[in-house]
Amino acid sequence: MHLIRSPGRPYPGIVALLEAAAAQPRLRRLYPFTSHFALVFSSSTSYPWTLQAGSIEPLHNGRFKVRRHRPFAVIGEVETAEEAVALVLELLPTDPEPVITA
């Protein structure tokens, strides 16, 4: 059993991750949500999602794994939420689409 995926246990580092992402104006333009224990960013607020940049997964050891969506690849594993957000910002298009509510 994966420790962070056990019912009733919080994601380690999720609060720090959400705070770090919220501090970035470019990410605040997007709709953040969690899926499969990872934080992702969409330019739409409902399905079908329009994913932007990558995803960040808090790991049970306190680190964060950053993945790119297209083409799918692990970009890196870092120590802090701020480092993970910085990697996602590098993957974000220069001018991401603003959020569209559906």
Foldseek 3Di string as FASTA:
>chain_A
DFVCPDPPHHQQQPVQLVVLQCVDPQQVQWDWDDDPQWIWTFLEDDPPGHTFQWIWHQHPVQWIWTFGVVVTDTPDIGNHSNVNSVNSVVRGPPRDRGHDYD
